[in-house]
Amino acid sequence: MSIIVWIIIGGLAGWAGSAIMKSEGGLLRNIIVGIIGALVGGFIMSFIGAEGFTGFNLWSFLVALLGSVVFLGVMGIFTKRAT
């Protein structure tokens, strides 16, 4: 899978996840959060037997968004920042 797809989906999912969790950050942070979110979301999906990040499509965006929200929530707990 192309790194460009990871960056685009990661950026969108990171931005949406940051908006949902009311977290601030720039473009690079959103991309990183989204890419990590895609990995976390894929890991979560493997537990329920669903496909993870499959490419440039809506399902991959939703998986990355779920992972981004989970990742930001966990980071918020560890940094003790109120969200």
N, C-alpha and C. Protein backbone atom coordinates (compact mmCIF):
# COMPACT_ATOMS: atom_id res chain seq x y z
N MET A 1 0.84 -1.17 0.00
CA MET A 1 0.00 0.00 0.00
C MET A 1 0.89 1.24 0.00
N SER A 2 0.49 2.21 -0.72
CA SER A 2 1.29 3.41 -0.91
C SER A 2 1.36 4.25 0.36
N ILE A 3 2.51 4.83 0.59
CA ILE A 3 2.70 5.73 1.73
C ILE A 3 1.81 6.97 1.58
N ILE A 4 1.51 7.35 0.35
CA ILE A 4 0.64 8.50 0.11
C ILE A 4 -0.76 8.22 0.67
N VAL A 5 -1.26 7.00 0.49
CA VAL A 5 -2.57 6.63 1.03
C VAL A 5 -2.56 6.72 2.54
N TRP A 6 -1.49 6.23 3.17
CA TRP A 6 -1.38 6.29 4.63
C TRP A 6 -1.38 7.75 5.09
N ILE A 7 -0.69 8.62 4.37
CA ILE A 7 -0.61 10.03 4.76
C ILE A 7 -1.97 10.71 4.60
N ILE A 8 -2.65 10.46 3.49
CA ILE A 8 -3.95 11.09 3.25
C ILE A 8 -5.00 10.61 4.25
N ILE A 9 -5.15 9.30 4.36
CA ILE A 9 -6.13 8.74 5.30
C ILE A 9 -5.73 9.11 6.73
N GLY A 10 -4.44 9.03 7.04
CA GLY A 10 -3.96 9.38 8.36
C GLY A 10 -4.24 10.83 8.72
N GLY A 11 -4.01 11.72 7.77
CA GLY A 11 -4.27 13.13 8.01
C GLY A 11 -5.74 13.41 8.26
N LEU A 12 -6.59 12.81 7.45
CA LEU A 12 -8.04 13.01 7.62
C LEU A 12 -8.54 12.39 8.92
N ALA A 13 -8.12 11.17 9.19
CA ALA A 13 -8.57 10.49 10.42
C ALA A 13 -8.01 11.18 11.66
N GLY A 14 -6.77 11.61 11.60
CA GLY A 14 -6.17 12.33 12.73
C GLY A 14 -6.87 13.65 12.99
N TRP A 15 -7.19 14.36 11.92
CA TRP A 15 -7.91 15.62 12.07
C TRP A 15 -9.30 15.40 12.66
N ALA A 16 -10.04 14.42 12.14
CA ALA A 16 -11.38 14.13 12.64
C ALA A 16 -11.32 13.62 14.08
N GLY A 17 -10.36 12.76 14.38
CA GLY A 17 -10.20 12.26 15.74
C GLY A 17 -9.86 13.38 16.72
N SER A 18 -9.01 14.29 16.29
CA SER A 18 -8.66 15.43 17.13
C SER A 18 -9.88 16.33 17.37
N ALA A 19 -10.70 16.48 16.36
CA ALA A 19 -11.91 17.29 16.52
C ALA A 19 -12.90 16.62 17.48
N ILE A 20 -13.05 15.30 17.37
CA ILE A 20 -13.95 14.57 18.26
C ILE A 20 -13.46 14.63 19.70
N MET A 21 -12.16 14.45 19.90
CA MET A 21 -11.58 14.43 21.24
C MET A 21 -11.21 15.83 21.75
N LYS A 22 -11.48 16.86 20.95
CA LYS A 22 -11.16 18.24 21.29
C LYS A 22 -9.68 18.40 21.68
N SER A 23 -8.85 17.85 20.83
CA SER A 23 -7.40 17.89 21.01
C SER A 23 -6.82 18.82 19.96
N GLU A 24 -5.81 19.58 20.34
CA GLU A 24 -5.21 20.53 19.40
C GLU A 24 -3.93 19.95 18.80
N GLY A 25 -3.64 20.36 17.61
CA GLY A 25 -2.41 19.92 16.96
C GLY A 25 -2.37 20.39 15.52
N GLY A 26 -1.20 20.34 14.95
CA GLY A 26 -1.02 20.77 13.58
C GLY A 26 -1.16 19.63 12.59
N LEU A 27 -0.85 19.92 11.37
CA LEU A 27 -0.99 18.96 10.28
C LEU A 27 -0.13 17.72 10.51
N LEU A 28 1.13 17.90 10.86
CA LEU A 28 2.02 16.76 11.07
C LEU A 28 1.53 15.89 12.23
N ARG A 29 1.09 16.51 13.31
CA ARG A 29 0.57 15.74 14.44
C ARG A 29 -0.67 14.95 14.03
N ASN A 30 -1.56 15.56 13.26
CA ASN A 30 -2.75 14.86 12.80
C ASN A 30 -2.41 13.66 11.92
N ILE A 31 -1.43 13.83 11.05
CA ILE A 31 -1.02 12.71 10.19
C ILE A 31 -0.45 11.57 11.04
N ILE A 32 0.40 11.92 12.00
CA ILE A 32 1.00 10.88 12.86
C ILE A 32 -0.08 10.19 13.68
N VAL A 33 -0.98 10.97 14.27
CA VAL A 33 -2.08 10.39 15.06
C VAL A 33 -2.94 9.49 14.18
N GLY A 34 -3.22 9.90 12.96
CA GLY A 34 -4.03 9.10 12.05
C GLY A 34 -3.36 7.80 11.64
N ILE A 35 -2.06 7.85 11.37
CA ILE A 35 -1.34 6.63 10.99
C ILE A 35 -1.28 5.66 12.17
N ILE A 36 -0.96 6.19 13.35
CA ILE A 36 -0.98 5.33 14.54
C ILE A 36 -2.40 4.82 14.77
N GLY A 37 -3.39 5.68 14.55
CA GLY A 37 -4.79 5.27 14.69
C GLY A 37 -5.17 4.16 13.73
N ALA A 38 -4.64 4.20 12.51
CA ALA A 38 -4.91 3.12 11.56
C ALA A 38 -4.35 1.80 12.05
N LEU A 39 -3.16 1.85 12.64
CA LEU A 39 -2.57 0.63 13.20
C LEU A 39 -3.37 0.13 14.40
N VAL A 40 -3.74 1.05 15.30
CA VAL A 40 -4.53 0.68 16.47
C VAL A 40 -5.91 0.16 16.05
N GLY A 41 -6.54 0.85 15.11
CA GLY A 41 -7.84 0.42 14.61
C GLY A 41 -7.79 -0.94 13.95
N GLY A 42 -6.74 -1.21 13.18
CA GLY A 42 -6.56 -2.52 12.57
C GLY A 42 -6.38 -3.60 13.61
N PHE A 43 -5.66 -3.27 14.68
CA PHE A 43 -5.47 -4.22 15.77
C PHE A 43 -6.80 -4.51 16.47
N ILE A 44 -7.59 -3.48 16.70
CA ILE A 44 -8.92 -3.65 17.32
C ILE A 44 -9.82 -4.49 16.42
N MET A 45 -9.81 -4.21 15.13
CA MET A 45 -10.65 -4.94 14.19
C MET A 45 -10.27 -6.41 14.11
N SER A 46 -8.99 -6.71 14.28
CA SER A 46 -8.57 -8.12 14.23
C SER A 46 -9.17 -8.91 15.39
N PHE A 47 -9.44 -8.26 16.51
CA PHE A 47 -10.05 -8.95 17.65
C PHE A 47 -11.51 -9.31 17.39
N ILE A 48 -12.20 -8.51 16.60
CA ILE A 48 -13.61 -8.81 16.33
C ILE A 48 -13.81 -9.55 15.01
N GLY A 49 -12.71 -9.84 14.34
CA GLY A 49 -12.78 -10.63 13.11
C GLY A 49 -13.08 -9.84 11.86
N ALA A 50 -12.97 -8.53 11.92
CA ALA A 50 -13.22 -7.70 10.74
C ALA A 50 -11.89 -7.31 10.09
N GLU A 51 -11.97 -6.81 8.88
CA GLU A 51 -10.77 -6.35 8.19
C GLU A 51 -10.33 -5.03 8.77
N GLY A 52 -9.03 -4.79 8.73
CA GLY A 52 -8.48 -3.53 9.21
C GLY A 52 -8.35 -2.53 8.08
N PHE A 53 -7.23 -1.88 8.01
CA PHE A 53 -6.94 -0.86 7.01
C PHE A 53 -6.72 -1.56 5.67
N THR A 54 -7.60 -1.30 4.68
CA THR A 54 -7.55 -2.02 3.41
C THR A 54 -7.15 -1.17 2.21
N GLY A 55 -7.02 0.13 2.38
CA GLY A 55 -6.66 0.98 1.26
C GLY A 55 -7.40 2.30 1.33
N PHE A 56 -7.53 2.93 0.18
CA PHE A 56 -8.16 4.25 0.11
C PHE A 56 -9.66 4.08 -0.06
N ASN A 57 -10.37 3.88 1.06
CA ASN A 57 -11.81 3.72 1.03
C ASN A 57 -12.42 4.15 2.35
N LEU A 58 -13.74 4.18 2.42
CA LEU A 58 -14.45 4.64 3.62
C LEU A 58 -14.19 3.74 4.81
N TRP A 59 -14.15 2.43 4.61
CA TRP A 59 -13.90 1.50 5.71
C TRP A 59 -12.55 1.79 6.37
N SER A 60 -11.52 2.00 5.58
CA SER A 60 -10.20 2.28 6.13
C SER A 60 -10.21 3.58 6.91
N PHE A 61 -10.93 4.58 6.41
CA PHE A 61 -11.05 5.85 7.13
C PHE A 61 -11.72 5.63 8.49
N LEU A 62 -12.80 4.84 8.52
CA LEU A 62 -13.51 4.60 9.77
C LEU A 62 -12.66 3.81 10.77
N VAL A 63 -11.89 2.84 10.26
CA VAL A 63 -10.98 2.08 11.12
C VAL A 63 -9.92 3.01 11.70
N ALA A 64 -9.34 3.86 10.85
CA ALA A 64 -8.32 4.79 11.32
C ALA A 64 -8.91 5.82 12.28
N LEU A 65 -10.14 6.25 12.03
CA LEU A 65 -10.80 7.20 12.93
C LEU A 65 -11.03 6.57 14.30
N LEU A 66 -11.53 5.34 14.32
CA LEU A 66 -11.73 4.63 15.59
C LEU A 66 -10.41 4.51 16.34
N GLY A 67 -9.37 4.10 15.65
CA GLY A 67 -8.07 3.96 16.28
C GLY A 67 -7.51 5.29 16.76
N SER A 68 -7.75 6.36 16.01
CA SER A 68 -7.28 7.69 16.41
C SER A 68 -7.96 8.15 17.69
N VAL A 69 -9.26 7.93 17.78
CA VAL A 69 -10.00 8.33 18.98
C VAL A 69 -9.52 7.53 20.18
N VAL A 70 -9.33 6.23 20.00
CA VAL A 70 -8.82 5.39 21.09
C VAL A 70 -7.42 5.84 21.49
N PHE A 71 -6.56 6.07 20.52
CA PHE A 71 -5.19 6.50 20.79
C PHE A 71 -5.17 7.83 21.53
N LEU A 72 -5.95 8.80 21.07
CA LEU A 72 -5.98 10.10 21.74
C LEU A 72 -6.56 9.99 23.15
N GLY A 73 -7.54 9.12 23.34
CA GLY A 73 -8.10 8.90 24.67
C GLY A 73 -7.08 8.33 25.63
N VAL A 74 -6.33 7.34 25.16
CA VAL A 74 -5.29 6.74 26.00
C VAL A 74 -4.19 7.76 26.28
N MET A 75 -3.80 8.52 25.28
CA MET A 75 -2.77 9.55 25.49
C MET A 75 -3.26 10.61 26.47
N GLY A 76 -4.53 10.94 26.41
CA GLY A 76 -5.10 11.90 27.35
C GLY A 76 -5.06 11.39 28.78
N ILE A 77 -5.27 10.10 28.95
CA ILE A 77 -5.18 9.49 30.29
C ILE A 77 -3.75 9.56 30.81
N PHE A 78 -2.79 9.19 29.96
CA PHE A 78 -1.40 9.18 30.39
C PHE A 78 -0.82 10.57 30.62
N THR A 79 -1.30 11.55 29.88
CA THR A 79 -0.79 12.91 30.08
C THR A 79 -1.64 13.68 31.08
N LYS A 80 -2.70 13.03 31.59
CA LYS A 80 -3.60 13.60 32.59
C LYS A 80 -4.16 14.95 32.15
N ARG A 81 -4.46 15.02 30.87
CA ARG A 81 -5.04 16.23 30.31
C ARG A 81 -6.53 16.01 30.16
N ALA A 82 -7.32 16.93 30.64
CA ALA A 82 -8.76 16.82 30.53
C ALA A 82 -9.18 17.02 29.09
N THR A 83 -10.03 16.12 28.58
CA THR A 83 -10.51 16.25 27.20
C THR A 83 -11.96 16.63 27.18
